Amino acid sequence: MNVLIIANGEFAPGESYPHPKIPFDMVIAVDGGHQHCQVLGVEADILMGDLDSLAPALIEKLKKGGTQLITFPPEKDEIDLELALLHAVEIGATDIVVLAGLGGRVDMSLANLSLLAHPQLHDVAIQFWHDEQKIYRIQPPGIEIKGKLGDTLSLLPLGGDATGVRTMNLAYPLRDERLIFGLARGVSNVFTADMVTIDLEHGILLAIWTRGRA
């Protein structure tokens, strides 16, 4: 099941953002992310959050329109996006795209990205879409990423070293190498074709695709 999660971060729709015609089986809005739904012209199947910022009349309208409301208190151990991702997995998501998951507070952006290492999300394909960028989580054995000749791709290890990294169709190829957590060696590579292959033997990589030469 393909699930679109619309969070409450910065929102600047570019060509990378999904049009309502793109098929998602379910749309989950995270609290203030409901406003972004309105900009995109999509209806949320589920709205999650403490919902304190929504007017009672709007909440009632959403209920009558068939939106499922899942509320939780502001004081909790998990962040809102974490709860949304876990709920998506619980109801059968296999592929998740997160919109508006970055921007604004640096701590929240870092926390949101760190969720890509969450053990309960290991078996789900997750992407973050932000403006003209897409962030992919790469786990063994690896993935293929579509783009265009001249696009920018950065590879950053998450939570530890990434080993056995091999790439195809990048200007600066990696051949069975180790990317060390905390070092920036994998930043700003360049597509030499419209499809890049990244193979990985161990660890987690964040692949950040940017349209054009960054």
C-alpha atoms as a PDB file:
ATOM      1  CA  MET A   1       0.000   0.000   0.000  1.00  0.00           C
ATOM      2  CA  ASN A   2       1.339   3.415  -1.006  1.00  0.00           C
ATOM      3  CA  VAL A   3       0.857   6.054   1.684  1.00  0.00           C
ATOM      4  CA  LEU A   4       1.419   9.809   1.477  1.00  0.00           C
ATOM      5  CA  ILE A   5       2.161  11.480   4.826  1.00  0.00           C
ATOM      6  CA  ILE A   6       1.890  15.265   4.872  1.00  0.00           C
ATOM      7  CA  ALA A   7       3.684  16.708   7.892  1.00  0.00           C
ATOM      8  CA  ASN A   8       3.759  20.249   9.267  1.00  0.00           C
ATOM      9  CA  GLY A   9       7.183  21.417   8.065  1.00  0.00           C
ATOM     10  CA  GLU A  10       8.086  23.889   5.342  1.00  0.00           C
ATOM     11  CA  PHE A  11       6.103  23.520   2.181  1.00  0.00           C
ATOM     12  CA  ALA A  12       7.210  24.944  -1.169  1.00  0.00           C
ATOM     13  CA  PRO A  13       5.691  22.807  -3.916  1.00  0.00           C
ATOM     14  CA  GLY A  14       8.016  22.266  -6.871  1.00  0.00           C
ATOM     15  CA  GLU A  15       7.998  19.893  -9.807  1.00  0.00           C
ATOM     16  CA  SER A  16       8.917  17.026  -7.493  1.00  0.00           C
ATOM     17  CA  TYR A  17       5.744  17.336  -5.456  1.00  0.00           C
ATOM     18  CA  PRO A  18       2.912  14.933  -6.199  1.00  0.00           C
ATOM     19  CA  HIS A  19      -0.135  16.091  -8.058  1.00  0.00           C
ATOM     20  CA  PRO A  20      -3.456  14.772  -6.725  1.00  0.00           C
ATOM     21  CA  LYS A  21      -3.585  12.470  -9.753  1.00  0.00           C
ATOM     22  CA  ILE A  22      -0.542  10.544  -8.501  1.00  0.00           C
ATOM     23  CA  PRO A  23      -2.011   7.348  -7.046  1.00  0.00           C
ATOM     24  CA  PHE A  24      -1.692   6.999  -3.291  1.00  0.00           C
ATOM     25  CA  ASP A  25      -3.813   4.428  -1.523  1.00  0.00           C
ATOM     26  CA  MET A  26      -4.009   6.598   1.587  1.00  0.00           C
ATOM     27  CA  VAL A  27      -3.185  10.143   2.697  1.00  0.00           C
ATOM     28  CA  ILE A  28      -2.280  10.862   6.316  1.00  0.00           C
ATOM     29  CA  ALA A  29      -2.060  14.487   7.470  1.00  0.00           C
ATOM     30  CA  VAL A  30      -0.056  15.257  10.604  1.00  0.00           C
ATOM     31  CA  ASP A  31      -1.768  18.057  12.548  1.00  0.00           C
ATOM     32  CA  GLY A  32      -0.948  21.332  10.738  1.00  0.00           C
ATOM     33  CA  GLY A  33      -0.179  19.321   7.634  1.00  0.00           C
ATOM     34  CA  HIS A  34      -3.904  19.513   6.958  1.00  0.00           C
ATOM     35  CA  GLN A  35      -3.324  23.032   5.616  1.00  0.00           C
ATOM     36  CA  HIS A  36      -0.824  21.651   3.106  1.00  0.00           C
ATOM     37  CA  CYS A  37      -3.463  19.146   1.961  1.00  0.00           C
ATOM     38  CA  GLN A  38      -5.677  22.064   1.020  1.00  0.00           C
ATOM     39  CA  VAL A  39      -2.877  23.649  -1.031  1.00  0.00           C
ATOM     40  CA  LEU A  40      -2.300  20.370  -2.881  1.00  0.00           C
ATOM     41  CA  GLY A  41      -5.989  19.759  -3.344  1.00  0.00           C
ATOM     42  CA  VAL A  42      -5.971  16.355  -1.677  1.00  0.00           C
ATOM     43  CA  GLU A  43      -8.252  15.014   1.023  1.00  0.00           C
ATOM     44  CA  ALA A  44      -6.704  13.356   4.058  1.00  0.00           C
ATOM     45  CA  ASP A  45      -8.048   9.918   4.919  1.00  0.00           C
ATOM     46  CA  ILE A  46      -6.528  10.220   8.396  1.00  0.00           C
ATOM     47  CA  LEU A  47      -5.672  13.311  10.439  1.00  0.00           C
ATOM     48  CA  MET A  48      -3.330  12.736  13.389  1.00  0.00           C
ATOM     49  CA  GLY A  49      -2.181  15.073  16.154  1.00  0.00           C
ATOM     50  CA  ASP A  50      -3.377  16.909  19.238  1.00  0.00           C
ATOM     51  CA  LEU A  51      -5.552  18.993  16.833  1.00  0.00           C
ATOM     52  CA  ASP A  52      -5.542  21.991  19.187  1.00  0.00           C
ATOM     53  CA  SER A  53      -4.859  24.312  16.264  1.00  0.00           C
ATOM     54  CA  LEU A  54      -7.994  23.271  14.371  1.00  0.00           C
ATOM     55  CA  ALA A  55     -11.322  24.992  14.883  1.00  0.00           C
ATOM     56  CA  PRO A  56     -14.081  22.759  16.284  1.00  0.00           C
ATOM     57  CA  ALA A  57     -16.215  23.517  13.221  1.00  0.00           C
ATOM     58  CA  LEU A  58     -13.467  22.253  10.917  1.00  0.00           C
ATOM     59  CA  ILE A  59     -12.998  19.111  12.994  1.00  0.00           C
ATOM     60  CA  GLU A  60     -16.715  18.412  12.767  1.00  0.00           C
ATOM     61  CA  LYS A  61     -16.661  19.021   9.008  1.00  0.00           C
ATOM     62  CA  LEU A  62     -13.780  16.588   8.585  1.00  0.00           C
ATOM     63  CA  LYS A  63     -15.600  13.945  10.597  1.00  0.00           C
ATOM     64  CA  LYS A  64     -18.710  14.296   8.449  1.00  0.00           C
ATOM     65  CA  GLY A  65     -16.550  14.093   5.328  1.00  0.00           C
ATOM     66  CA  GLY A  66     -15.193  10.724   6.394  1.00  0.00           C
ATOM     67  CA  THR A  67     -11.754  11.728   7.685  1.00  0.00           C
ATOM     68  CA  GLN A  68     -10.578   9.512  10.527  1.00  0.00           C
ATOM     69  CA  LEU A  69      -9.256  11.576  13.443  1.00  0.00           C
ATOM     70  CA  ILE A  70      -6.568  10.109  15.678  1.00  0.00           C
ATOM     71  CA  THR A  71      -5.697  12.344  18.603  1.00  0.00           C
ATOM     72  CA  PHE A  72      -2.910  12.219  21.160  1.00  0.00           C
ATOM     73  CA  PRO A  73      -1.695  14.627  23.843  1.00  0.00           C
ATOM     74  CA  PRO A  74       1.026  17.239  23.215  1.00  0.00           C
ATOM     75  CA  GLU A  75       3.156  15.719  26.011  1.00  0.00           C
ATOM     76  CA  LYS A  76       4.504  12.427  24.701  1.00  0.00           C
ATOM     77  CA  ASP A  77       7.773  10.632  24.037  1.00  0.00           C
ATOM     78  CA  GLU A  78       7.273  10.302  20.261  1.00  0.00           C
ATOM     79  CA  ILE A  79       7.230  13.108  17.726  1.00  0.00           C
ATOM     80  CA  ASP A  80       4.165  13.485  15.515  1.00  0.00           C
ATOM     81  CA  LEU A  81       5.773  12.159  12.341  1.00  0.00           C
ATOM     82  CA  GLU A  82       7.039   9.099  14.196  1.00  0.00           C
ATOM     83  CA  LEU A  83       3.506   8.230  15.261  1.00  0.00           C
ATOM     84  CA  ALA A  84       2.226   8.770  11.726  1.00  0.00           C
ATOM     85  CA  LEU A  85       4.910   6.526  10.218  1.00  0.00           C
ATOM     86  CA  LEU A  86       4.282   3.781  12.765  1.00  0.00           C
ATOM     87  CA  HIS A  87       0.546   3.984  12.168  1.00  0.00           C
ATOM     88  CA  ALA A  88       1.080   3.744   8.423  1.00  0.00           C
ATOM     89  CA  VAL A  89       3.109   0.571   8.922  1.00  0.00           C
ATOM     90  CA  GLU A  90       0.475  -0.815  11.286  1.00  0.00           C
ATOM     91  CA  ILE A  91      -2.237  -0.478   8.638  1.00  0.00           C
ATOM     92  CA  GLY A  92      -0.126  -2.139   5.954  1.00  0.00           C
ATOM     93  CA  ALA A  93       1.986   0.526   4.233  1.00  0.00           C
ATOM     94  CA  THR A  94       4.777  -0.814   2.057  1.00  0.00           C
ATOM     95  CA  ASP A  95       5.839   2.483   0.435  1.00  0.00           C
ATOM     96  CA  ILE A  96       5.694   5.880   2.144  1.00  0.00           C
ATOM     97  CA  VAL A  97       6.342   9.383   0.831  1.00  0.00           C
ATOM     98  CA  VAL A  98       6.722  12.161   3.416  1.00  0.00           C
ATOM     99  CA  LEU A  99       5.993  15.741   2.382  1.00  0.00           C
ATOM    100  CA  ALA A 100       6.760  18.839   4.476  1.00  0.00           C
ATOM    101  CA  GLY A 101       8.915  16.781   6.837  1.00  0.00           C
ATOM    102  CA  LEU A 102      11.822  19.247   6.788  1.00  0.00           C
ATOM    103  CA  GLY A 103      12.498  22.950   7.278  1.00  0.00           C
ATOM    104  CA  GLY A 104      11.880  25.347  10.127  1.00  0.00           C
ATOM    105  CA  ARG A 105      13.384  23.984  13.325  1.00  0.00           C
ATOM    106  CA  VAL A 106      16.703  22.237  12.754  1.00  0.00           C
ATOM    107  CA  ASP A 107      16.136  19.839  15.657  1.00  0.00           C
ATOM    108  CA  MET A 108      12.832  18.668  14.209  1.00  0.00           C
ATOM    109  CA  SER A 109      14.313  18.223  10.728  1.00  0.00           C
ATOM    110  CA  LEU A 110      17.141  16.110  12.145  1.00  0.00           C
ATOM    111  CA  ALA A 111      14.754  14.129  14.324  1.00  0.00           C
ATOM    112  CA  ASN A 112      12.465  13.456  11.369  1.00  0.00           C
ATOM    113  CA  LEU A 113      15.321  12.228   9.192  1.00  0.00           C
ATOM    114  CA  SER A 114      16.678  10.082  12.022  1.00  0.00           C
ATOM    115  CA  LEU A 115      13.401   8.159  11.943  1.00  0.00           C
ATOM    116  CA  LEU A 116      14.706   6.499   8.788  1.00  0.00           C
ATOM    117  CA  ALA A 117      16.825   4.370  11.120  1.00  0.00           C
ATOM    118  CA  HIS A 118      13.812   3.366  13.257  1.00  0.00           C
ATOM    119  CA  PRO A 119      13.835  -0.447  13.612  1.00  0.00           C
ATOM    120  CA  GLN A 120      10.067  -0.713  13.162  1.00  0.00           C
ATOM    121  CA  LEU A 121      10.320   0.990   9.778  1.00  0.00           C
ATOM    122  CA  HIS A 122      13.016  -1.309   8.436  1.00  0.00           C
ATOM    123  CA  ASP A 123      10.806  -3.180   5.983  1.00  0.00           C
ATOM    124  CA  VAL A 124       9.099  -0.137   4.449  1.00  0.00           C
ATOM    125  CA  ALA A 125      10.389   1.958   1.537  1.00  0.00           C
ATOM    126  CA  ILE A 126      10.402   5.596   2.700  1.00  0.00           C
ATOM    127  CA  GLN A 127      11.182   8.814   0.856  1.00  0.00           C
ATOM    128  CA  PHE A 128      11.163  12.462   1.962  1.00  0.00           C
ATOM    129  CA  TRP A 129      10.201  14.974  -0.743  1.00  0.00           C
ATOM    130  CA  HIS A 130      11.263  18.560  -0.120  1.00  0.00           C
ATOM    131  CA  ASP A 131      11.042  21.294  -2.755  1.00  0.00           C
ATOM    132  CA  GLU A 132      13.256  20.114  -5.661  1.00  0.00           C
ATOM    133  CA  GLN A 133      14.889  17.332  -3.640  1.00  0.00           C
ATOM    134  CA  LYS A 134      14.092  13.752  -2.749  1.00  0.00           C
ATOM    135  CA  ILE A 135      15.697  11.829   0.091  1.00  0.00           C
ATOM    136  CA  TYR A 136      15.835   8.049  -0.202  1.00  0.00           C
ATOM    137  CA  ARG A 137      16.756   5.549   2.491  1.00  0.00           C
ATOM    138  CA  ILE A 138      19.062   2.881   1.096  1.00  0.00           C
ATOM    139  CA  GLN A 139      19.408  -0.469   2.843  1.00  0.00           C
ATOM    140  CA  PRO A 140      21.126  -3.621   1.565  1.00  0.00           C
ATOM    141  CA  PRO A 141      21.179  -4.706  -1.211  1.00  0.00           C
ATOM    142  CA  GLY A 142      20.609  -1.177  -2.614  1.00  0.00           C
ATOM    143  CA  ILE A 143      18.322   0.698  -5.009  1.00  0.00           C
ATOM    144  CA  GLU A 144      18.089   2.460  -8.372  1.00  0.00           C
ATOM    145  CA  ILE A 145      17.304   6.175  -8.494  1.00  0.00           C
ATOM    146  CA  LYS A 146      15.832   7.929 -11.516  1.00  0.00           C
ATOM    147  CA  GLY A 147      16.970  11.410 -12.471  1.00  0.00           C
ATOM    148  CA  LYS A 148      18.505  13.277 -15.359  1.00  0.00           C
ATOM    149  CA  LEU A 149      22.012  13.662 -16.700  1.00  0.00           C
ATOM    150  CA  GLY A 150      23.722  16.345 -14.585  1.00  0.00           C
ATOM    151  CA  ASP A 151      21.500  15.972 -11.510  1.00  0.00           C
ATOM    152  CA  THR A 152      23.191  15.965  -8.110  1.00  0.00           C
ATOM    153  CA  LEU A 153      23.271  13.003  -5.729  1.00  0.00           C
ATOM    154  CA  SER A 154      24.763  12.906  -2.241  1.00  0.00           C
ATOM    155  CA  LEU A 155      25.251   9.714  -0.220  1.00  0.00           C
ATOM    156  CA  LEU A 156      25.475  10.051   3.562  1.00  0.00           C
ATOM    157  CA  PRO A 157      25.680   7.158   6.046  1.00  0.00           C
ATOM    158  CA  LEU A 158      23.064   7.144   8.806  1.00  0.00           C
ATOM    159  CA  GLY A 159      23.739   5.814  12.295  1.00  0.00           C
ATOM    160  CA  GLY A 160      27.120   4.275  11.484  1.00  0.00           C
ATOM    161  CA  ASP A 161      29.461   3.437   8.629  1.00  0.00           C
ATOM    162  CA  ALA A 162      28.078   2.136   5.348  1.00  0.00           C
ATOM    163  CA  THR A 163      30.235  -0.572   3.751  1.00  0.00           C
ATOM    164  CA  GLY A 164      30.393  -2.332   0.428  1.00  0.00           C
ATOM    165  CA  VAL A 165      29.126   0.762  -1.384  1.00  0.00           C
ATOM    166  CA  ARG A 166      29.180   0.476  -5.168  1.00  0.00           C
ATOM    167  CA  THR A 167      27.699   2.940  -7.640  1.00  0.00           C
ATOM    168  CA  MET A 168      26.984   2.996 -11.352  1.00  0.00           C
ATOM    169  CA  ASN A 169      26.418   6.081 -13.533  1.00  0.00           C
ATOM    170  CA  LEU A 170      27.907   8.638 -11.151  1.00  0.00           C
ATOM    171  CA  ALA A 171      30.779  10.936 -12.115  1.00  0.00           C
ATOM    172  CA  TYR A 172      32.780   9.888  -9.043  1.00  0.00           C
ATOM    173  CA  PRO A 173      32.149   6.154  -8.732  1.00  0.00           C
ATOM    174  CA  LEU A 174      32.406   4.172  -5.523  1.00  0.00           C
ATOM    175  CA  ARG A 175      33.801   0.673  -5.876  1.00  0.00           C
ATOM    176  CA  ASP A 176      33.174  -1.557  -2.872  1.00  0.00           C
ATOM    177  CA  GLU A 177      34.028   1.254  -0.461  1.00  0.00           C
ATOM    178  CA  ARG A 178      33.256   2.406   3.071  1.00  0.00           C
ATOM    179  CA  LEU A 179      31.485   5.691   3.736  1.00  0.00           C
ATOM    180  CA  ILE A 180      32.348   6.718   7.281  1.00  0.00           C
ATOM    181  CA  PHE A 181      29.617   8.152   9.502  1.00  0.00           C
ATOM    182  CA  GLY A 182      30.496  11.755  10.305  1.00  0.00           C
ATOM    183  CA  LEU A 183      32.518  12.375   7.138  1.00  0.00           C
ATOM    184  CA  ALA A 184      31.132  14.092   4.044  1.00  0.00           C
ATOM    185  CA  ARG A 185      32.916  12.181   1.304  1.00  0.00           C
ATOM    186  CA  GLY A 186      29.714  11.190  -0.492  1.00  0.00           C
ATOM    187  CA  VAL A 187      28.381  14.726  -1.011  1.00  0.00           C
ATOM    188  CA  SER A 188      27.709  16.302  -4.436  1.00  0.00           C
ATOM    189  CA  ASN A 189      28.167  13.493  -6.919  1.00  0.00           C
ATOM    190  CA  VAL A 190      26.711  13.903 -10.419  1.00  0.00           C
ATOM    191  CA  PHE A 191      24.427  11.758 -12.597  1.00  0.00           C
ATOM    192  CA  THR A 192      26.100  10.617 -15.836  1.00  0.00           C
ATOM    193  CA  ALA A 193      22.882   8.953 -17.039  1.00  0.00           C
ATOM    194  CA  ASP A 194      19.184   9.018 -16.239  1.00  0.00           C
ATOM    195  CA  MET A 195      19.423   6.101 -13.804  1.00  0.00           C
ATOM    196  CA  VAL A 196      21.885   5.599 -10.967  1.00  0.00           C
ATOM    197  CA  THR A 197      22.465   2.286  -9.209  1.00  0.00           C
ATOM    198  CA  ILE A 198      23.680   2.140  -5.604  1.00  0.00           C
ATOM    199  CA  ASP A 199      24.625  -1.237  -4.118  1.00  0.00           C
ATOM    200  CA  LEU A 200      25.148  -1.572  -0.368  1.00  0.00           C
ATOM    201  CA  GLU A 201      26.322  -4.509   1.720  1.00  0.00           C
ATOM    202  CA  HIS A 202      25.942  -3.145   5.267  1.00  0.00           C
ATOM    203  CA  GLY A 203      24.499  -0.086   6.985  1.00  0.00           C
ATOM    204  CA  ILE A 204      22.055   2.624   5.967  1.00  0.00           C
ATOM    205  CA  LEU A 205      22.598   5.400   3.449  1.00  0.00           C
ATOM    206  CA  LEU A 206      20.649   8.565   2.858  1.00  0.00           C
ATOM    207  CA  ALA A 207      20.636   9.387  -0.848  1.00  0.00           C
ATOM    208  CA  ILE A 208      19.728  13.027  -1.477  1.00  0.00           C
ATOM    209  CA  TRP A 209      18.750  13.710  -5.074  1.00  0.00           C
ATOM    210  CA  THR A 210      18.690  17.342  -6.240  1.00  0.00           C
ATOM    211  CA  ARG A 211      17.321  18.400  -9.599  1.00  0.00           C
ATOM    212  CA  GLY A 212      20.154  19.805 -11.728  1.00  0.00           C
ATOM    213  CA  ARG A 213      23.679  20.694 -10.711  1.00  0.00           C
ATOM    214  CA  ALA A 214      23.647  21.875  -7.097  1.00  0.00           C
END
